[in-house]
């Protein structure tokens, strides 16, 4: 009789451990998918923001794209149940997942700053937006849309030198 009780107990313990492992893998997979969505929407936000608002727009929309993907995905709902055995282990796993979820707030801010810094470097290198205007203020450099560029030659004929306007042939 005691043998049967021990076997059932061991079987229940193994099932509980297996369930926790499976739940942890599901929670990690959900967060991994969420990170991919956050990256995609951050990139889209940065490109659109940079086109219409310069580096400042890239920073704002890059961070908002990341935060929006995080808000709508709800990967935080996936967690590890306490189970019947080893409740302290389950609580430890839950605490680790919660700490990672809390750190995402600062990650959105850093994503926005990284997007803004990249747009600033890109705009200054290509003289886009406010960077293409001689003596532009810092605000113009940060906020002027990249498509507002005085240095872009729009009426270039095929076979014509873009920089001097003379024929190449």
N, C-alpha and C. Protein backbone atom coordinates (compact mmCIF):
# COMPACT_ATOMS: atom_id res chain seq x y z
N UNK A 1 0.81 -1.18 0.00
CA UNK A 1 0.00 0.00 0.00
C UNK A 1 0.86 1.26 0.00
N UNK A 2 1.88 1.26 0.84
CA UNK A 2 2.77 2.42 0.91
C UNK A 2 3.51 2.60 -0.41
N UNK A 3 3.83 1.46 -1.05
CA UNK A 3 4.50 1.54 -2.35
C UNK A 3 3.63 2.27 -3.37
N UNK A 4 2.33 1.98 -3.40
CA UNK A 4 1.42 2.62 -4.37
C UNK A 4 1.32 4.12 -4.10
N UNK A 5 1.26 4.47 -2.80
CA UNK A 5 1.19 5.89 -2.45
C UNK A 5 2.46 6.60 -2.93
N UNK A 6 3.63 5.98 -2.71
CA UNK A 6 4.90 6.57 -3.13
C UNK A 6 4.98 6.71 -4.64
N UNK A 7 4.47 5.72 -5.35
CA UNK A 7 4.48 5.78 -6.82
C UNK A 7 3.56 6.88 -7.32
N UNK A 8 2.39 6.99 -6.74
CA UNK A 8 1.46 8.06 -7.16
C UNK A 8 2.05 9.44 -6.84
N UNK A 9 2.65 9.54 -5.68
CA UNK A 9 3.25 10.80 -5.27
C UNK A 9 4.38 11.20 -6.24
N UNK A 10 5.21 10.25 -6.58
CA UNK A 10 6.31 10.52 -7.51
C UNK A 10 5.77 10.88 -8.90
N UNK A 11 4.71 10.19 -9.32
CA UNK A 11 4.10 10.50 -10.62
C UNK A 11 3.49 11.90 -10.63
N UNK A 12 2.81 12.26 -9.56
CA UNK A 12 2.22 13.61 -9.47
C UNK A 12 3.30 14.68 -9.44
N UNK A 13 4.39 14.39 -8.73
CA UNK A 13 5.50 15.35 -8.65
C UNK A 13 6.14 15.55 -10.03
N UNK A 14 6.32 14.44 -10.75
CA UNK A 14 6.90 14.53 -12.09
C UNK A 14 5.97 15.28 -13.04
N UNK A 15 4.68 15.04 -12.94
CA UNK A 15 3.71 15.75 -13.79
C UNK A 15 3.71 17.25 -13.48
N UNK A 16 3.78 17.59 -12.21
CA UNK A 16 3.81 18.98 -11.78
C UNK A 16 5.06 19.68 -12.33
N UNK A 17 6.18 19.03 -12.23
CA UNK A 17 7.43 19.58 -12.73
C UNK A 17 7.37 19.76 -14.25
N UNK A 18 6.81 18.77 -14.93
CA UNK A 18 6.67 18.84 -16.38
C UNK A 18 5.75 20.00 -16.79
N UNK A 19 4.66 20.17 -16.05
CA UNK A 19 3.73 21.27 -16.34
C UNK A 19 4.41 22.62 -16.17
N UNK A 20 5.19 22.77 -15.12
CA UNK A 20 5.90 24.04 -14.88
C UNK A 20 6.90 24.33 -15.99
N UNK A 21 7.62 23.29 -16.41
CA UNK A 21 8.59 23.46 -17.50
C UNK A 21 7.89 23.89 -18.78
N UNK A 22 6.75 23.26 -19.07
CA UNK A 22 5.99 23.59 -20.28
C UNK A 22 5.45 25.02 -20.20
N UNK A 23 4.94 25.42 -19.04
CA UNK A 23 4.43 26.78 -18.89
C UNK A 23 5.54 27.81 -19.02
N UNK A 24 6.71 27.50 -18.49
CA UNK A 24 7.85 28.41 -18.60
C UNK A 24 8.26 28.56 -20.07
N UNK A 25 8.31 27.45 -20.80
CA UNK A 25 8.66 27.52 -22.22
C UNK A 25 7.63 28.32 -23.01
N UNK A 26 6.35 28.17 -22.69
CA UNK A 26 5.31 28.94 -23.37
C UNK A 26 5.44 30.43 -23.06
N UNK A 27 5.73 30.75 -21.81
CA UNK A 27 5.90 32.16 -21.41
C UNK A 27 7.11 32.77 -22.11
N UNK A 28 8.20 32.03 -22.19
CA UNK A 28 9.39 32.54 -22.87
C UNK A 28 9.15 32.70 -24.36
N UNK A 29 8.44 31.78 -24.98
CA UNK A 29 8.13 31.88 -26.41
C UNK A 29 7.23 33.09 -26.68
N UNK A 30 6.25 33.32 -25.82
CA UNK A 30 5.36 34.48 -25.99
C UNK A 30 6.15 35.78 -25.87
N UNK A 31 7.07 35.85 -24.94
CA UNK A 31 7.88 37.07 -24.79
C UNK A 31 8.83 37.25 -25.95
N UNK A 32 9.32 36.16 -26.50
CA UNK A 32 10.20 36.24 -27.68
C UNK A 32 9.44 36.78 -28.89
N UNK A 33 8.21 36.29 -29.09
CA UNK A 33 7.39 36.82 -30.18
C UNK A 33 7.08 38.29 -29.96
N UNK A 34 6.84 38.66 -28.71
CA UNK A 34 6.54 40.05 -28.39
C UNK A 34 7.74 40.94 -28.71
N UNK A 35 8.94 40.48 -28.40
CA UNK A 35 10.15 41.25 -28.71
C UNK A 35 10.28 41.49 -30.21
N UNK A 36 9.96 40.49 -31.00
CA UNK A 36 10.00 40.66 -32.45
C UNK A 36 9.01 41.70 -32.93
N UNK A 37 7.80 41.66 -32.37
CA UNK A 37 6.79 42.67 -32.75
C UNK A 37 7.20 44.05 -32.29
N UNK A 38 7.79 44.15 -31.11
CA UNK A 38 8.25 45.45 -30.62
C UNK A 38 9.33 46.02 -31.53
N UNK A 39 10.23 45.17 -31.98
CA UNK A 39 11.30 45.61 -32.87
C UNK A 39 10.73 46.07 -34.21
N UNK A 40 9.79 45.32 -34.77
CA UNK A 40 9.18 45.68 -36.04
C UNK A 40 8.47 47.02 -35.94
N UNK A 41 7.61 47.20 -34.94
CA UNK A 41 6.85 48.45 -34.83
C UNK A 41 7.73 49.63 -34.43
N UNK A 42 8.81 49.37 -33.73
CA UNK A 42 9.76 50.43 -33.43
C UNK A 42 10.45 50.91 -34.70
N UNK A 43 10.82 49.98 -35.56
CA UNK A 43 11.47 50.34 -36.83
C UNK A 43 10.51 51.13 -37.72
N UNK A 44 9.28 50.66 -37.83
CA UNK A 44 8.29 51.38 -38.64
C UNK A 44 8.06 52.77 -38.08
N UNK A 45 7.90 52.87 -36.76
CA UNK A 45 7.71 54.17 -36.12
C UNK A 45 8.89 55.10 -36.34
N UNK A 46 10.09 54.57 -36.27
CA UNK A 46 11.28 55.39 -36.47
C UNK A 46 11.38 55.92 -37.89
N UNK A 47 11.08 55.09 -38.85
CA UNK A 47 11.15 55.52 -40.26
C UNK A 47 10.10 56.59 -40.54
N UNK A 48 8.87 56.35 -40.12
CA UNK A 48 7.80 57.33 -40.35
C UNK A 48 8.07 58.60 -39.56
N UNK A 49 8.47 58.47 -38.30
CA UNK A 49 8.77 59.64 -37.48
C UNK A 49 9.93 60.44 -38.02
N UNK A 50 10.97 59.76 -38.51
CA UNK A 50 12.11 60.47 -39.08
C UNK A 50 11.76 61.19 -40.36
N UNK A 51 10.91 60.60 -41.17
CA UNK A 51 10.51 61.24 -42.43
C UNK A 51 9.71 62.52 -42.18
N UNK A 52 8.83 62.47 -41.19
CA UNK A 52 7.95 63.60 -40.97
C UNK A 52 8.35 64.50 -39.80
N UNK A 53 9.24 64.05 -38.95
CA UNK A 53 9.59 64.86 -37.78
C UNK A 53 11.06 64.88 -37.46
N UNK A 54 11.91 64.44 -38.38
CA UNK A 54 13.34 64.45 -38.12
C UNK A 54 13.72 63.48 -37.01
N UNK A 55 14.90 63.69 -36.42
CA UNK A 55 15.35 62.80 -35.36
C UNK A 55 14.42 62.77 -34.14
N UNK A 56 13.80 63.89 -33.83
CA UNK A 56 12.87 63.92 -32.70
C UNK A 56 11.65 63.05 -32.98
N UNK A 57 11.13 63.12 -34.20
CA UNK A 57 10.00 62.27 -34.59
C UNK A 57 10.38 60.80 -34.59
N UNK A 58 11.61 60.50 -35.02
CA UNK A 58 12.08 59.11 -35.01
C UNK A 58 12.16 58.57 -33.59
N UNK A 59 12.64 59.41 -32.68
CA UNK A 59 12.75 58.98 -31.28
C UNK A 59 11.37 58.75 -30.67
N UNK A 60 10.45 59.69 -30.90
CA UNK A 60 9.11 59.57 -30.33
C UNK A 60 8.35 58.37 -30.89
N UNK A 61 8.27 58.29 -32.20
CA UNK A 61 7.49 57.20 -32.80
C UNK A 61 8.18 55.85 -32.67
N UNK A 62 9.51 55.83 -32.59
CA UNK A 62 10.22 54.57 -32.36
C UNK A 62 9.88 54.01 -30.98
N UNK A 63 9.92 54.87 -29.97
CA UNK A 63 9.56 54.45 -28.62
C UNK A 63 8.09 54.09 -28.49
N UNK A 64 7.22 54.89 -29.14
CA UNK A 64 5.79 54.60 -29.08
C UNK A 64 5.44 53.31 -29.82
N UNK A 65 6.13 53.04 -30.93
CA UNK A 65 5.89 51.79 -31.65
C UNK A 65 6.25 50.58 -30.80
N UNK A 66 7.37 50.68 -30.10
CA UNK A 66 7.79 49.60 -29.22
C UNK A 66 6.80 49.42 -28.06
N UNK A 67 6.41 50.53 -27.44
CA UNK A 67 5.47 50.46 -26.31
C UNK A 67 4.10 49.97 -26.76
N UNK A 68 3.66 50.39 -27.94
CA UNK A 68 2.35 49.96 -28.45
C UNK A 68 2.31 48.47 -28.72
N UNK A 69 3.38 47.94 -29.29
CA UNK A 69 3.43 46.50 -29.53
C UNK A 69 3.43 45.74 -28.21
N UNK A 70 4.11 46.27 -27.22
CA UNK A 70 4.12 45.64 -25.90
C UNK A 70 2.73 45.68 -25.26
N UNK A 71 2.06 46.82 -25.39
CA UNK A 71 0.74 46.98 -24.77
C UNK A 71 -0.30 46.04 -25.38
N UNK A 72 -0.30 45.92 -26.70
CA UNK A 72 -1.34 45.15 -27.37
C UNK A 72 -1.05 43.64 -27.42
N UNK A 73 0.18 43.23 -27.18
CA UNK A 73 0.51 41.81 -27.30
C UNK A 73 0.09 40.99 -26.08
N UNK A 74 0.22 41.50 -24.90
CA UNK A 74 -0.20 40.85 -23.66
C UNK A 74 0.54 39.54 -23.37
N UNK A 75 1.83 39.50 -23.68
CA UNK A 75 2.62 38.30 -23.38
C UNK A 75 2.80 38.11 -21.88
N UNK A 76 2.58 39.17 -21.11
CA UNK A 76 2.75 39.09 -19.65
C UNK A 76 1.72 38.16 -19.00
N UNK A 77 0.65 37.86 -19.71
CA UNK A 77 -0.36 36.95 -19.16
C UNK A 77 0.15 35.52 -19.03
N UNK A 78 1.12 35.17 -19.83
CA UNK A 78 1.69 33.82 -19.75
C UNK A 78 2.65 33.77 -18.57
N UNK A 79 2.38 32.89 -17.63
CA UNK A 79 3.22 32.77 -16.45
C UNK A 79 3.23 31.31 -15.98
N UNK A 80 3.88 31.06 -14.88
CA UNK A 80 4.01 29.71 -14.33
C UNK A 80 3.07 29.58 -13.13
N UNK A 81 2.20 28.57 -13.16
CA UNK A 81 1.30 28.32 -12.03
C UNK A 81 2.08 27.80 -10.83
N UNK A 82 1.54 28.02 -9.66
CA UNK A 82 2.22 27.58 -8.43
C UNK A 82 2.32 26.07 -8.34
N UNK A 83 1.35 25.36 -8.81
CA UNK A 83 1.40 23.90 -8.77
C UNK A 83 1.22 23.33 -7.38
N UNK A 84 1.43 22.03 -7.27
CA UNK A 84 1.24 21.33 -5.99
C UNK A 84 2.53 21.17 -5.21
N UNK A 85 3.65 21.05 -5.91
CA UNK A 85 4.94 20.79 -5.29
C UNK A 85 5.91 21.91 -5.65
N UNK A 86 6.95 22.05 -4.90
CA UNK A 86 8.02 23.02 -5.17
C UNK A 86 7.45 24.42 -5.46
N UNK A 87 6.63 24.90 -4.56
CA UNK A 87 5.99 26.20 -4.75
C UNK A 87 7.00 27.34 -4.74
N UNK A 88 8.07 27.19 -4.00
CA UNK A 88 9.09 28.25 -3.97
C UNK A 88 9.80 28.36 -5.32
N UNK A 89 10.01 27.22 -5.99
CA UNK A 89 10.62 27.25 -7.32
C UNK A 89 9.70 27.95 -8.31
N UNK A 90 8.42 27.66 -8.25
CA UNK A 90 7.46 28.30 -9.14
C UNK A 90 7.40 29.80 -8.86
N UNK A 91 7.44 30.18 -7.61
CA UNK A 91 7.40 31.61 -7.26
C UNK A 91 8.66 32.31 -7.76
N UNK A 92 9.79 31.63 -7.68
CA UNK A 92 11.04 32.20 -8.18
C UNK A 92 10.96 32.43 -9.69
N UNK A 93 10.40 31.48 -10.43
CA UNK A 93 10.23 31.64 -11.87
C UNK A 93 9.27 32.79 -12.19
N UNK A 94 8.19 32.88 -11.43
CA UNK A 94 7.23 33.96 -11.62
C UNK A 94 7.87 35.32 -11.35
N UNK A 95 8.70 35.40 -10.31
CA UNK A 95 9.39 36.65 -9.99
C UNK A 95 10.36 37.05 -11.10
N UNK A 96 11.06 36.07 -11.67
CA UNK A 96 11.98 36.37 -12.77
C UNK A 96 11.23 36.90 -13.99
N UNK A 97 10.11 36.29 -14.32
CA UNK A 97 9.31 36.75 -15.46
C UNK A 97 8.76 38.15 -15.19
N UNK A 98 8.31 38.42 -13.97
CA UNK A 98 7.78 39.74 -13.62
C UNK A 98 8.86 40.81 -13.70
N UNK A 99 10.07 40.49 -13.25
CA UNK A 99 11.18 41.45 -13.32
C UNK A 99 11.52 41.78 -14.77
N UNK A 100 11.50 40.78 -15.63
CA UNK A 100 11.78 41.02 -17.05
C UNK A 100 10.68 41.89 -17.67
N UNK A 101 9.44 41.68 -17.27
CA UNK A 101 8.33 42.48 -17.79
C UNK A 101 8.44 43.94 -17.33
N UNK A 102 8.85 44.15 -16.09
CA UNK A 102 8.99 45.51 -15.58
C UNK A 102 10.12 46.25 -16.28
N UNK A 103 11.16 45.56 -16.67
CA UNK A 103 12.31 46.19 -17.33
C UNK A 103 11.96 46.66 -18.74
N UNK A 104 10.86 46.19 -19.30
CA UNK A 104 10.50 46.59 -20.66
C UNK A 104 10.17 48.07 -20.77
N UNK A 105 9.71 48.69 -19.70
CA UNK A 105 9.42 50.12 -19.73
C UNK A 105 10.64 50.94 -20.10
N UNK A 106 11.76 50.65 -19.44
CA UNK A 106 13.00 51.35 -19.76
C UNK A 106 13.50 50.97 -21.14
N UNK A 107 13.20 49.77 -21.57
CA UNK A 107 13.61 49.33 -22.91
C UNK A 107 12.93 50.18 -23.99
N UNK A 108 11.67 50.57 -23.77
CA UNK A 108 10.98 51.42 -24.74
C UNK A 108 11.65 52.79 -24.83
N UNK A 109 12.03 53.34 -23.70
CA UNK A 109 12.71 54.64 -23.67
C UNK A 109 14.05 54.53 -24.41
N UNK A 110 14.80 53.48 -24.13
CA UNK A 110 16.10 53.31 -24.78
C UNK A 110 15.95 53.07 -26.28
N UNK A 111 14.90 52.37 -26.69
CA UNK A 111 14.65 52.16 -28.12
C UNK A 111 14.41 53.50 -28.80
N UNK A 112 13.60 54.35 -28.17
CA UNK A 112 13.34 55.67 -28.73
C UNK A 112 14.60 56.51 -28.83
N UNK A 113 15.41 56.50 -27.78
CA UNK A 113 16.66 57.28 -27.80
C UNK A 113 17.62 56.76 -28.86
N UNK A 114 17.70 55.44 -28.99
CA UNK A 114 18.58 54.85 -30.00
C UNK A 114 18.10 55.23 -31.41
N UNK A 115 16.78 55.21 -31.62
CA UNK A 115 16.23 55.58 -32.92
C UNK A 115 16.52 57.05 -33.23
N UNK A 116 16.34 57.91 -32.22
CA UNK A 116 16.62 59.33 -32.41
C UNK A 116 18.08 59.60 -32.70
N UNK A 117 18.97 58.93 -31.98
CA UNK A 117 20.41 59.11 -32.21
C UNK A 117 20.81 58.62 -33.60
N UNK A 118 20.24 57.52 -34.03
CA UNK A 118 20.53 57.01 -35.38
C UNK A 118 20.03 57.98 -36.44
N UNK A 119 18.82 58.51 -36.24
CA UNK A 119 18.27 59.47 -37.20
C UNK A 119 19.10 60.75 -37.21
N UNK A 120 19.59 61.18 -36.06
CA UNK A 120 20.42 62.38 -35.99
C UNK A 120 21.71 62.17 -36.78
N UNK A 121 22.34 61.01 -36.59
CA UNK A 121 23.57 60.70 -37.32
C UNK A 121 23.30 60.59 -38.82
N UNK A 122 22.20 59.96 -39.19
CA UNK A 122 21.83 59.81 -40.60
C UNK A 122 21.54 61.17 -41.22
N UNK A 123 20.77 62.00 -40.53
CA UNK A 123 20.42 63.31 -41.06
C UNK A 123 21.64 64.21 -41.23
N UNK A 124 22.56 64.16 -40.27
CA UNK A 124 23.75 65.01 -40.38
C UNK A 124 24.68 64.50 -41.47
N UNK A 125 24.76 63.21 -41.65
CA UNK A 125 25.63 62.66 -42.69
C UNK A 125 25.12 62.91 -44.10
N UNK A 126 23.80 62.87 -44.26
CA UNK A 126 23.20 63.05 -45.58
C UNK A 126 22.66 64.47 -45.81
N UNK A 127 22.83 65.34 -44.80
CA UNK A 127 22.32 66.71 -44.85
C UNK A 127 20.83 66.76 -45.20
N UNK A 128 20.07 65.99 -44.46
CA UNK A 128 18.63 65.95 -44.65
C UNK A 128 17.94 66.88 -43.65
N UNK A 129 16.74 67.29 -43.96
CA UNK A 129 15.95 68.10 -43.05
C UNK A 129 16.67 69.37 -42.67
N UNK A 130 16.72 69.68 -41.40
CA UNK A 130 17.37 70.89 -40.91
C UNK A 130 18.87 70.88 -41.09
N UNK A 131 19.46 69.70 -41.29
CA UNK A 131 20.90 69.61 -41.48
C UNK A 131 21.33 70.18 -42.82
N UNK A 132 20.41 70.22 -43.79
CA UNK A 132 20.74 70.74 -45.11
C UNK A 132 20.65 72.25 -45.19
N UNK A 133 20.24 72.91 -44.14
CA UNK A 133 20.11 74.36 -44.11
C UNK A 133 21.30 74.96 -43.37
N UNK A 134 21.99 75.89 -44.02
CA UNK A 134 23.16 76.52 -43.40
C UNK A 134 22.72 77.33 -42.19
N UNK A 135 23.39 77.17 -41.09
CA UNK A 135 23.10 77.94 -39.88
C UNK A 135 21.79 77.57 -39.21
N UNK A 136 21.31 76.38 -39.44
CA UNK A 136 20.04 75.96 -38.84
C UNK A 136 20.20 75.81 -37.33
N UNK A 137 19.12 76.12 -36.62
CA UNK A 137 19.15 75.99 -35.17
C UNK A 137 19.09 74.51 -34.78
N UNK A 138 19.40 74.23 -33.55
CA UNK A 138 19.35 72.86 -33.06
C UNK A 138 17.93 72.32 -33.15
N UNK A 139 16.94 73.15 -32.86
CA UNK A 139 15.55 72.71 -32.94
C UNK A 139 15.19 72.30 -34.37
N UNK A 140 15.65 73.09 -35.37
CA UNK A 140 15.39 72.73 -36.77
C UNK A 140 16.07 71.41 -37.12
N UNK A 141 17.25 71.21 -36.62
CA UNK A 141 17.95 69.96 -36.91
C UNK A 141 17.24 68.76 -36.29
N UNK A 142 16.64 68.97 -35.12
CA UNK A 142 15.96 67.89 -34.43
C UNK A 142 14.55 67.62 -34.95
N UNK A 143 13.88 68.66 -35.43
CA UNK A 143 12.45 68.50 -35.71
C UNK A 143 12.05 68.66 -37.17
N UNK A 144 12.92 69.16 -38.02
CA UNK A 144 12.53 69.37 -39.42
C UNK A 144 12.45 68.05 -40.16
N UNK A 145 11.34 67.80 -40.88
CA UNK A 145 11.19 66.54 -41.62
C UNK A 145 12.33 66.31 -42.60
N UNK A 146 12.72 65.07 -42.76
CA UNK A 146 13.83 64.75 -43.66
C UNK A 146 13.50 65.04 -45.12
N UNK A 147 12.24 65.04 -45.51
CA UNK A 147 11.92 65.28 -46.91
C UNK A 147 11.98 66.76 -47.24
N UNK A 148 12.10 67.64 -46.25
CA UNK A 148 12.28 69.07 -46.51
C UNK A 148 13.77 69.34 -46.61
N UNK A 149 14.31 69.18 -47.80
CA UNK A 149 15.74 69.35 -47.98
C UNK A 149 15.98 70.24 -49.18
N UNK A 150 16.70 71.33 -48.96
CA UNK A 150 16.98 72.28 -50.04
C UNK A 150 18.09 71.79 -50.96
N UNK A 151 18.87 70.79 -50.53
CA UNK A 151 20.01 70.34 -51.31
C UNK A 151 19.67 69.23 -52.30
N UNK A 152 18.46 68.72 -52.28
CA UNK A 152 18.09 67.63 -53.18
C UNK A 152 17.75 68.21 -54.54
N UNK A 153 18.40 67.69 -55.59
CA UNK A 153 18.13 68.14 -56.95
C UNK A 153 16.99 67.30 -57.50
N UNK A 154 15.87 67.94 -57.85
CA UNK A 154 14.71 67.17 -58.25
C UNK A 154 14.55 67.06 -59.77
N UNK A 155 15.01 68.03 -60.52
CA UNK A 155 14.80 68.00 -61.98
C UNK A 155 16.10 67.65 -62.69
N UNK A 156 16.53 66.43 -62.56
CA UNK A 156 17.77 65.97 -63.18
C UNK A 156 17.40 65.13 -64.39
N UNK A 157 17.99 65.48 -65.50
CA UNK A 157 17.74 64.73 -66.74
C UNK A 157 18.71 63.55 -66.80
N UNK A 158 18.35 62.46 -67.47
CA UNK A 158 19.27 61.34 -67.62
C UNK A 158 20.54 61.78 -68.35
N UNK A 159 21.67 61.35 -67.86
CA UNK A 159 22.95 61.72 -68.47
C UNK A 159 23.47 63.05 -68.00
N UNK A 160 22.87 63.65 -67.02
CA UNK A 160 23.28 64.95 -66.51
C UNK A 160 23.98 64.77 -65.17
N UNK A 161 25.06 65.52 -64.93
CA UNK A 161 25.77 65.46 -63.67
C UNK A 161 24.89 66.07 -62.58
N UNK A 162 24.63 65.34 -61.54
CA UNK A 162 23.73 65.78 -60.49
C UNK A 162 24.26 67.01 -59.75
N UNK A 163 25.58 67.08 -59.58
CA UNK A 163 26.14 68.13 -58.75
C UNK A 163 26.37 69.45 -59.51
N UNK A 164 26.70 69.37 -60.77
CA UNK A 164 26.99 70.60 -61.51
C UNK A 164 25.90 70.96 -62.51
N UNK A 165 25.06 70.01 -62.87
CA UNK A 165 24.02 70.28 -63.85
C UNK A 165 24.49 70.18 -65.29
N UNK A 166 25.76 69.81 -65.50
CA UNK A 166 26.30 69.72 -66.86
C UNK A 166 26.10 68.31 -67.41
N UNK A 167 26.22 68.20 -68.73
CA UNK A 167 26.06 66.90 -69.37
C UNK A 167 27.27 66.04 -69.13
N UNK A 168 27.05 64.76 -68.94
CA UNK A 168 28.15 63.84 -68.71
C UNK A 168 28.77 63.36 -70.03
N UNK A 169 28.05 63.46 -71.09
CA UNK A 169 28.52 62.88 -72.34
C UNK A 169 29.08 63.85 -73.25
